[in-house]
N, C-alpha and C. Protein backbone atom coordinates (compact mmCIF):
# COMPACT_ATOMS: atom_id res chain seq x y z
N LYS A 1 -2.10 5.06 14.67
CA LYS A 1 -1.47 5.05 16.12
C LYS A 1 -2.24 4.02 17.49
N VAL A 2 -3.56 4.43 17.37
CA VAL A 2 -4.50 3.32 18.36
C VAL A 2 -4.33 2.03 17.93
N VAL A 3 -4.00 1.38 16.42
CA VAL A 3 -3.85 -0.04 16.29
C VAL A 3 -2.51 -0.37 16.82
N ARG A 4 -1.45 0.48 16.38
CA ARG A 4 0.04 0.31 17.14
C ARG A 4 0.08 0.12 18.50
N GLU A 5 -0.76 0.83 19.10
CA GLU A 5 -0.93 0.88 20.60
C GLU A 5 -1.12 -0.57 21.17
N VAL A 6 -2.12 -1.02 20.70
CA VAL A 6 -2.73 -2.47 20.94
C VAL A 6 -1.63 -3.33 20.66
N ALA A 7 -1.25 -3.16 19.27
CA ALA A 7 -0.68 -4.31 19.10
C ALA A 7 0.78 -4.40 19.80
N GLY A 8 1.51 -3.03 20.09
CA GLY A 8 2.36 -2.90 21.62
C GLY A 8 2.33 -3.71 22.95
N ALA A 9 0.74 -3.54 23.38
CA ALA A 9 0.52 -3.83 24.32
C ALA A 9 0.27 -5.47 24.28
N LEU A 10 -0.12 -5.96 23.50
CA LEU A 10 -0.11 -7.41 22.88
C LEU A 10 1.08 -8.15 23.00
N ARG A 11 2.06 -7.64 22.26
CA ARG A 11 3.41 -7.86 22.28
C ARG A 11 4.19 -7.92 23.74
N ALA A 12 3.86 -7.25 24.69
CA ALA A 12 3.96 -7.09 25.89
C ALA A 12 3.88 -8.18 26.94
N ASP A 13 2.42 -8.49 26.56
CA ASP A 13 1.72 -9.68 27.31
C ASP A 13 2.10 -11.30 26.66
N ARG A 14 3.49 -11.43 27.08
CA ARG A 14 3.66 -12.32 26.43
C ARG A 14 2.89 -13.81 26.66
N GLY A 15 2.42 -13.69 28.05
CA GLY A 15 1.46 -14.56 28.86
C GLY A 15 0.40 -15.16 27.68
N MET A 16 -0.06 -13.61 27.07
CA MET A 16 -1.29 -14.33 26.23
C MET A 16 -1.09 -14.44 24.87
N THR A 17 0.41 -13.92 24.42
CA THR A 17 0.81 -13.93 23.16
C THR A 17 1.52 -14.77 22.72
N ALA A 18 2.06 -15.85 23.63
CA ALA A 18 3.33 -16.35 23.30
C ALA A 18 3.81 -17.15 22.34
N GLY A 19 2.60 -18.22 21.86
CA GLY A 19 1.98 -18.25 20.67
C GLY A 19 1.63 -17.89 19.73
N VAL A 20 1.56 -16.69 19.29
CA VAL A 20 1.29 -15.47 18.29
C VAL A 20 1.91 -14.47 17.69
N LYS A 21 2.12 -15.21 16.36
CA LYS A 21 2.68 -14.49 15.61
C LYS A 21 1.75 -12.81 15.25
N ILE A 22 2.34 -11.77 15.58
CA ILE A 22 1.73 -10.55 15.24
C ILE A 22 1.99 -9.75 13.85
N ALA A 23 1.59 -9.92 12.80
CA ALA A 23 1.58 -9.10 12.08
C ALA A 23 1.14 -7.97 11.50
N GLU A 24 2.21 -6.57 11.23
CA GLU A 24 1.39 -5.46 11.22
C GLU A 24 1.73 -4.84 9.75
N THR A 25 0.43 -4.56 8.92
CA THR A 25 0.67 -3.67 7.94
C THR A 25 -0.15 -2.15 7.93
N TYR A 26 0.49 -1.20 7.79
CA TYR A 26 -0.28 0.29 8.11
C TYR A 26 0.06 0.83 6.75
N ASP A 27 -1.26 1.18 6.19
CA ASP A 27 -1.51 2.40 4.79
C ASP A 27 -0.77 3.86 5.76
N GLN A 28 0.29 4.29 5.28
CA GLN A 28 0.53 5.63 5.69
C GLN A 28 -0.19 6.41 4.50
N GLY A 29 -1.04 6.54 3.91
CA GLY A 29 -2.01 7.49 3.63
C GLY A 29 -3.06 7.86 4.35
N ILE A 30 -3.28 7.34 5.17
CA ILE A 30 -4.56 7.69 5.97
C ILE A 30 -3.94 8.74 7.28
N PRO A 31 -4.54 9.65 7.05
CA PRO A 31 -4.51 10.89 7.49
C PRO A 31 -5.30 10.77 8.92
N PRO A 32 -4.41 11.62 10.12
CA PRO A 32 -4.97 11.19 11.48
C PRO A 32 -6.75 11.27 11.59
N LEU A 33 -7.28 10.37 12.15
CA LEU A 33 -8.76 10.43 12.10
C LEU A 33 -9.30 11.22 13.63
N LEU A 34 -10.39 11.76 13.20
CA LEU A 34 -11.39 11.99 14.25
C LEU A 34 -12.23 10.93 15.04
N PHE A 35 -12.08 10.54 16.21
CA PHE A 35 -12.51 9.76 16.57
C PHE A 35 -12.28 9.65 18.33
N ASP A 36 -12.82 8.78 19.09
CA ASP A 36 -12.52 8.72 20.37
C ASP A 36 -11.65 7.68 20.66
N GLN A 37 -10.52 7.78 21.23
CA GLN A 37 -9.59 7.09 21.28
C GLN A 37 -9.62 5.83 21.90
N ASP A 38 -10.21 6.41 23.21
CA ASP A 38 -10.20 5.58 24.15
C ASP A 38 -11.25 4.14 23.71
N MET A 39 -12.63 4.66 23.26
CA MET A 39 -13.59 4.02 22.71
C MET A 39 -12.82 2.72 21.92
N VAL A 40 -12.23 3.64 20.92
CA VAL A 40 -11.98 2.43 19.44
C VAL A 40 -10.91 1.67 20.08
N ARG A 41 -9.97 2.15 20.83
CA ARG A 41 -9.04 1.31 21.35
C ARG A 41 -9.96 -0.18 22.18
N GLN A 42 -10.78 0.87 22.86
CA GLN A 42 -11.19 -0.76 23.64
C GLN A 42 -12.03 -1.62 22.49
N VAL A 43 -12.37 -1.05 21.44
CA VAL A 43 -13.42 -1.95 20.47
C VAL A 43 -11.74 -3.00 19.62
N ILE A 44 -11.02 -2.40 19.60
CA ILE A 44 -9.70 -3.09 18.86
C ILE A 44 -8.99 -4.00 19.65
N TRP A 45 -9.12 -3.74 20.92
CA TRP A 45 -9.15 -4.44 22.26
C TRP A 45 -9.70 -5.74 22.17
N ASN A 46 -11.06 -5.50 22.29
CA ASN A 46 -11.84 -6.33 22.41
C ASN A 46 -12.02 -7.47 21.07
N ILE A 47 -11.90 -7.29 20.08
CA ILE A 47 -11.38 -7.96 18.66
C ILE A 47 -10.27 -8.87 18.83
N VAL A 48 -9.25 -8.06 19.15
CA VAL A 48 -7.73 -9.24 19.22
C VAL A 48 -7.64 -10.03 19.88
N ILE A 49 -8.65 -9.68 21.29
CA ILE A 49 -8.76 -10.63 22.29
C ILE A 49 -9.66 -11.90 21.87
N ASN A 50 -10.57 -11.56 21.42
CA ASN A 50 -11.55 -12.99 20.63
C ASN A 50 -10.62 -13.65 19.74
N SER A 51 -9.73 -13.14 18.55
CA SER A 51 -9.13 -13.38 17.82
C SER A 51 -8.16 -14.45 18.48
N ILE A 52 -7.40 -14.01 19.45
CA ILE A 52 -6.51 -14.56 20.29
C ILE A 52 -7.08 -16.11 20.82
N GLU A 53 -8.25 -15.72 21.44
CA GLU A 53 -8.96 -16.75 22.00
C GLU A 53 -9.58 -17.95 20.96
N ALA A 54 -9.57 -17.67 20.08
CA ALA A 54 -10.16 -18.16 18.61
C ALA A 54 -9.01 -19.32 18.13
N MET A 55 -7.83 -18.58 18.19
CA MET A 55 -6.86 -19.36 18.07
C MET A 55 -6.11 -20.44 19.20
N ASP A 56 -6.79 -20.11 20.07
CA ASP A 56 -6.54 -21.16 21.33
C ASP A 56 -4.81 -20.70 21.88
N GLY A 57 -4.43 -19.20 21.78
CA GLY A 57 -3.16 -18.66 22.02
C GLY A 57 -2.21 -18.70 21.11
N LYS A 58 -2.17 -20.03 20.03
CA LYS A 58 -1.58 -19.88 18.90
C LYS A 58 -1.90 -19.85 17.47
N GLY A 59 -1.19 -19.04 16.92
CA GLY A 59 -1.11 -19.03 15.08
C GLY A 59 -0.98 -17.58 14.68
N ARG A 60 -1.50 -17.05 13.96
CA ARG A 60 -1.34 -15.47 13.20
C ARG A 60 -2.56 -14.72 13.27
N LEU A 61 -1.53 -12.99 13.69
CA LEU A 61 -2.98 -12.51 13.90
C LEU A 61 -2.48 -11.16 13.20
N SER A 62 -3.32 -10.99 12.32
CA SER A 62 -2.88 -9.70 11.51
C SER A 62 -3.68 -8.52 11.72
N LEU A 63 -2.79 -7.21 11.84
CA LEU A 63 -3.72 -6.00 11.62
C LEU A 63 -3.26 -5.26 10.56
N LYS A 64 -4.22 -4.54 9.91
CA LYS A 64 -4.14 -4.44 8.36
C LYS A 64 -5.00 -2.79 8.42
N THR A 65 -4.52 -1.89 8.00
CA THR A 65 -5.23 -0.44 7.72
C THR A 65 -5.18 -0.31 6.55
N LEU A 66 -5.86 0.06 5.86
CA LEU A 66 -5.97 0.94 4.52
C LEU A 66 -7.32 1.74 4.37
N ALA A 67 -7.07 2.74 3.22
CA ALA A 67 -7.82 3.69 3.01
C ALA A 67 -8.48 3.29 1.78
N ARG A 68 -10.12 3.58 1.56
CA ARG A 68 -10.54 2.95 0.20
C ARG A 68 -11.79 3.84 0.26
N ASP A 69 -11.90 4.42 -0.81
CA ASP A 69 -13.12 5.23 -0.92
C ASP A 69 -13.59 6.01 0.19
N GLY A 70 -12.57 7.13 1.01
CA GLY A 70 -12.73 7.66 1.79
C GLY A 70 -13.18 7.50 3.07
N ARG A 71 -12.85 5.96 2.99
CA ARG A 71 -12.69 5.06 4.59
C ARG A 71 -11.42 4.82 4.82
N ALA A 72 -11.34 4.69 6.20
CA ALA A 72 -10.51 4.05 6.70
C ALA A 72 -10.63 2.35 7.11
N LEU A 73 -10.06 1.59 6.90
CA LEU A 73 -10.14 0.20 7.15
C LEU A 73 -9.36 -0.22 8.08
N LEU A 74 -9.80 -1.39 8.95
CA LEU A 74 -8.98 -1.92 9.54
C LEU A 74 -9.53 -3.33 9.88
N ARG A 75 -8.56 -4.00 9.18
CA ARG A 75 -8.69 -5.73 9.28
C ARG A 75 -8.07 -6.17 9.98
N VAL A 76 -8.71 -7.16 10.72
CA VAL A 76 -8.04 -7.89 11.96
C VAL A 76 -8.43 -9.53 11.22
N GLU A 77 -7.14 -10.27 11.03
CA GLU A 77 -7.37 -11.50 10.98
C GLU A 77 -6.58 -12.27 11.52
N ASP A 78 -7.23 -13.58 11.87
CA ASP A 78 -6.73 -14.48 12.65
C ASP A 78 -6.61 -16.13 11.93
N THR A 79 -5.86 -17.07 12.48
CA THR A 79 -5.88 -18.12 11.91
C THR A 79 -6.50 -19.07 12.68
N GLY A 80 -7.87 -18.53 13.34
CA GLY A 80 -8.48 -19.76 14.24
C GLY A 80 -9.48 -20.66 13.05
N SER A 81 -10.16 -21.14 13.74
CA SER A 81 -11.56 -21.84 12.95
C SER A 81 -12.54 -21.36 12.17
N GLY A 82 -12.45 -20.08 12.48
CA GLY A 82 -13.79 -19.29 11.77
C GLY A 82 -14.88 -18.94 12.26
N VAL A 83 -15.69 -18.47 12.07
CA VAL A 83 -17.16 -18.24 12.86
C VAL A 83 -18.30 -19.25 12.15
N ASP A 84 -18.63 -19.77 12.91
CA ASP A 84 -19.96 -20.86 12.33
C ASP A 84 -20.92 -19.90 11.87
N LEU A 85 -21.00 -20.36 10.50
CA LEU A 85 -21.91 -19.95 9.86
C LEU A 85 -23.15 -19.69 10.31
N GLY A 86 -23.50 -20.74 10.80
CA GLY A 86 -24.98 -20.93 11.77
C GLY A 86 -25.22 -19.49 12.65
N ILE A 87 -24.13 -18.85 13.24
CA ILE A 87 -24.08 -17.81 14.00
C ILE A 87 -23.52 -16.47 13.52
N ILE A 88 -22.85 -16.25 12.57
CA ILE A 88 -22.58 -15.24 12.26
C ILE A 88 -23.22 -14.01 11.85
N GLU A 89 -24.31 -14.20 11.75
CA GLU A 89 -25.28 -13.00 11.79
C GLU A 89 -26.16 -12.54 13.47
N LYS A 90 -25.57 -13.49 14.50
CA LYS A 90 -25.67 -13.13 15.65
C LYS A 90 -24.79 -12.48 16.46
N ILE A 91 -23.44 -12.90 16.24
CA ILE A 91 -22.42 -12.59 17.02
C ILE A 91 -22.27 -11.24 17.36
N PHE A 92 -23.18 -10.04 16.94
CA PHE A 92 -23.06 -8.65 17.36
C PHE A 92 -24.35 -8.37 18.27
N GLN A 93 -25.27 -9.36 18.72
CA GLN A 93 -26.25 -9.16 19.12
C GLN A 93 -26.09 -9.46 20.82
N PRO A 94 -26.29 -8.36 21.57
CA PRO A 94 -26.37 -8.39 23.45
C PRO A 94 -26.80 -9.80 23.34
N PHE A 95 -25.55 -10.12 24.62
CA PHE A 95 -26.08 -11.52 25.28
C PHE A 95 -25.62 -12.67 24.71
N TYR A 96 -25.47 -12.75 23.34
CA TYR A 96 -25.43 -13.64 22.29
C TYR A 96 -23.73 -14.20 22.49
N THR A 97 -23.48 -14.91 23.00
CA THR A 97 -21.83 -15.56 23.64
C THR A 97 -21.86 -17.16 23.19
N THR A 98 -20.81 -17.59 22.86
CA THR A 98 -20.37 -18.79 22.46
C THR A 98 -19.58 -19.28 23.62
N LYS A 99 -18.72 -18.30 24.16
CA LYS A 99 -17.76 -18.99 25.37
C LYS A 99 -18.57 -19.21 26.92
N LYS A 100 -17.97 -19.81 27.58
CA LYS A 100 -18.36 -20.40 29.04
C LYS A 100 -18.26 -19.06 29.96
N GLN A 101 -17.60 -18.29 29.53
CA GLN A 101 -17.14 -17.22 30.42
C GLN A 101 -17.43 -15.84 30.37
N GLY A 102 -18.48 -16.38 28.89
CA GLY A 102 -18.54 -14.75 28.18
C GLY A 102 -19.70 -13.97 28.46
N THR A 103 -19.77 -12.90 29.03
CA THR A 103 -21.16 -12.18 28.60
C THR A 103 -22.10 -12.02 27.22
N GLY A 104 -21.56 -11.99 26.29
CA GLY A 104 -22.13 -11.70 25.29
C GLY A 104 -22.13 -9.98 24.66
N LEU A 105 -21.73 -9.43 25.53
CA LEU A 105 -21.66 -7.57 25.44
C LEU A 105 -20.63 -6.95 24.56
N GLY A 106 -19.54 -8.09 24.69
CA GLY A 106 -18.22 -7.59 23.91
C GLY A 106 -18.28 -6.82 22.51
N LEU A 107 -19.03 -7.42 21.79
CA LEU A 107 -18.96 -7.41 20.05
C LEU A 107 -20.18 -6.31 20.21
N ALA A 108 -21.29 -6.69 20.84
CA ALA A 108 -22.32 -5.92 20.50
C ALA A 108 -22.44 -4.20 21.38
N ILE A 109 -20.97 -4.46 22.16
CA ILE A 109 -21.03 -2.61 22.62
C ILE A 109 -19.67 -2.32 21.42
N ALA A 110 -18.93 -3.30 21.08
CA ALA A 110 -18.16 -2.72 19.83
C ALA A 110 -18.84 -1.98 18.65
N GLN A 111 -19.59 -2.71 18.38
CA GLN A 111 -20.67 -2.61 17.28
C GLN A 111 -21.19 -1.23 17.27
N ARG A 112 -21.91 -1.08 18.85
CA ARG A 112 -22.57 0.44 18.85
C ARG A 112 -21.55 1.54 19.12
N ILE A 113 -20.20 1.37 19.45
CA ILE A 113 -18.92 2.30 19.52
C ILE A 113 -19.01 2.56 18.10
N ILE A 114 -18.45 1.61 17.06
CA ILE A 114 -18.39 1.74 15.85
C ILE A 114 -19.25 2.38 15.11
N ASN A 115 -20.76 2.13 15.48
CA ASN A 115 -21.62 3.03 14.58
C ASN A 115 -21.79 4.68 15.08
N GLN A 116 -21.32 4.82 16.41
CA GLN A 116 -21.51 6.17 17.17
C GLN A 116 -20.60 6.93 16.34
N HIS A 117 -19.43 6.03 15.48
CA HIS A 117 -18.72 7.12 14.75
C HIS A 117 -18.53 7.25 13.48
N ALA A 118 -19.80 6.70 13.20
CA ALA A 118 -20.46 6.51 11.84
C ALA A 118 -19.17 5.88 10.52
N GLY A 119 -19.27 4.59 11.54
CA GLY A 119 -18.67 3.66 11.01
C GLY A 119 -19.44 2.35 11.21
N ALA A 120 -18.52 1.14 10.56
CA ALA A 120 -19.46 -0.07 10.44
C ALA A 120 -18.31 -1.05 11.14
N ILE A 121 -18.94 -2.30 11.43
CA ILE A 121 -17.71 -3.45 12.09
C ILE A 121 -18.77 -4.48 11.10
N THR A 122 -18.03 -5.24 10.82
CA THR A 122 -18.48 -6.89 10.25
C THR A 122 -17.75 -7.75 10.39
N VAL A 123 -17.83 -8.93 10.24
CA VAL A 123 -16.83 -9.83 9.89
C VAL A 123 -17.25 -11.12 9.08
N GLU A 124 -15.81 -11.84 8.46
CA GLU A 124 -15.96 -12.50 7.43
C GLU A 124 -15.27 -14.07 7.71
N ASN A 125 -15.28 -14.62 7.44
CA ASN A 125 -14.61 -16.41 7.37
C ASN A 125 -13.51 -15.96 6.13
N LEU A 126 -12.38 -16.67 6.17
CA LEU A 126 -11.24 -16.38 5.07
C LEU A 126 -11.06 -17.60 4.64
N ALA A 127 -11.06 -17.59 2.97
CA ALA A 127 -11.11 -18.98 2.58
C ALA A 127 -10.03 -19.87 2.67
N ARG A 128 -9.01 -19.20 3.45
CA ARG A 128 -7.68 -20.25 4.04
C ARG A 128 -7.69 -20.47 5.43
N GLY A 129 -8.96 -20.35 6.02
CA GLY A 129 -9.40 -20.77 7.40
C GLY A 129 -9.34 -19.28 8.51
N GLY A 130 -9.74 -18.96 9.44
CA GLY A 130 -9.56 -17.93 10.28
C GLY A 130 -10.63 -16.96 9.99
N ALA A 131 -11.16 -15.97 11.08
CA ALA A 131 -11.93 -14.94 10.43
C ALA A 131 -11.23 -13.88 10.12
N CYS A 132 -12.10 -12.73 10.02
CA CYS A 132 -11.41 -11.52 9.66
C CYS A 132 -12.76 -10.32 10.20
N PHE A 133 -12.23 -9.80 11.10
CA PHE A 133 -13.16 -8.81 11.58
C PHE A 133 -13.07 -7.20 10.82
N ILE A 134 -13.87 -6.09 10.24
CA ILE A 134 -13.11 -5.50 9.67
C ILE A 134 -13.82 -4.22 10.03
N ILE A 135 -13.14 -3.16 10.54
CA ILE A 135 -13.68 -1.62 11.36
C ILE A 135 -13.47 -0.99 10.03
N ASP A 136 -14.54 -0.38 9.86
CA ASP A 136 -14.73 0.69 8.26
C ASP A 136 -15.18 1.94 9.17
N LEU A 137 -14.43 3.08 9.09
CA LEU A 137 -14.35 4.40 9.79
C LEU A 137 -14.29 5.37 8.82
N PRO A 138 -15.38 6.63 8.55
CA PRO A 138 -14.94 7.70 7.74
C PRO A 138 -13.65 8.28 7.91
N ILE A 139 -12.92 8.33 6.89
CA ILE A 139 -11.66 9.41 6.87
C ILE A 139 -12.23 10.95 7.55
N ASP A 140 -12.96 11.90 6.79
CA ASP A 140 -13.71 12.81 6.92
C ASP A 140 -15.09 12.65 7.86
N ARG A 141 -15.08 13.11 9.04
CA ARG A 141 -16.52 12.34 9.59
C ARG A 141 -17.05 14.11 9.52
N GLY A 142 -16.43 15.10 9.71
CA GLY A 142 -17.02 16.00 8.73
C GLY A 142 -18.35 16.35 9.89
N SER A 143 -19.71 16.75 9.65
CA SER A 143 -20.76 16.86 10.72
C SER A 143 -21.02 15.69 11.48
N HIS A 144 -20.60 14.55 11.44
CA HIS A 144 -20.89 13.47 12.23
C HIS A 144 -20.15 14.03 13.69
N ASP A 145 -19.26 14.83 13.83
CA ASP A 145 -18.35 15.04 15.27
C ASP A 145 -20.03 14.95 16.27
């Protein structure tokens, strides 16, 4: 639901996404998850904005959910230039940024939020070019609430 809301907000902002094709694939087998919707929405929003900026506002943004081994995954893929291998280990560190206007806090906060939800966030470069951020959350949080 939260991923669909973010995708809808992106589509509504044609100024930001005029040159971006947004593709969505949802695994219907994922049950409702227990998490703070506002916080996780902030994480997803931050990642998709970074992806759109990495593509200079044109390309393909893919949002895909899937269930695997008791986990719910969200893959956010873009067709940008990918993440430089020299910085891939640093991008989640507070105050690390490659942007002229950036604070270097967005991905650090995103990682902290996902960790607080007993999850993980990772990034990898795609063989065809571009980057993929993966948000991994437990389907059954049980005692983690």
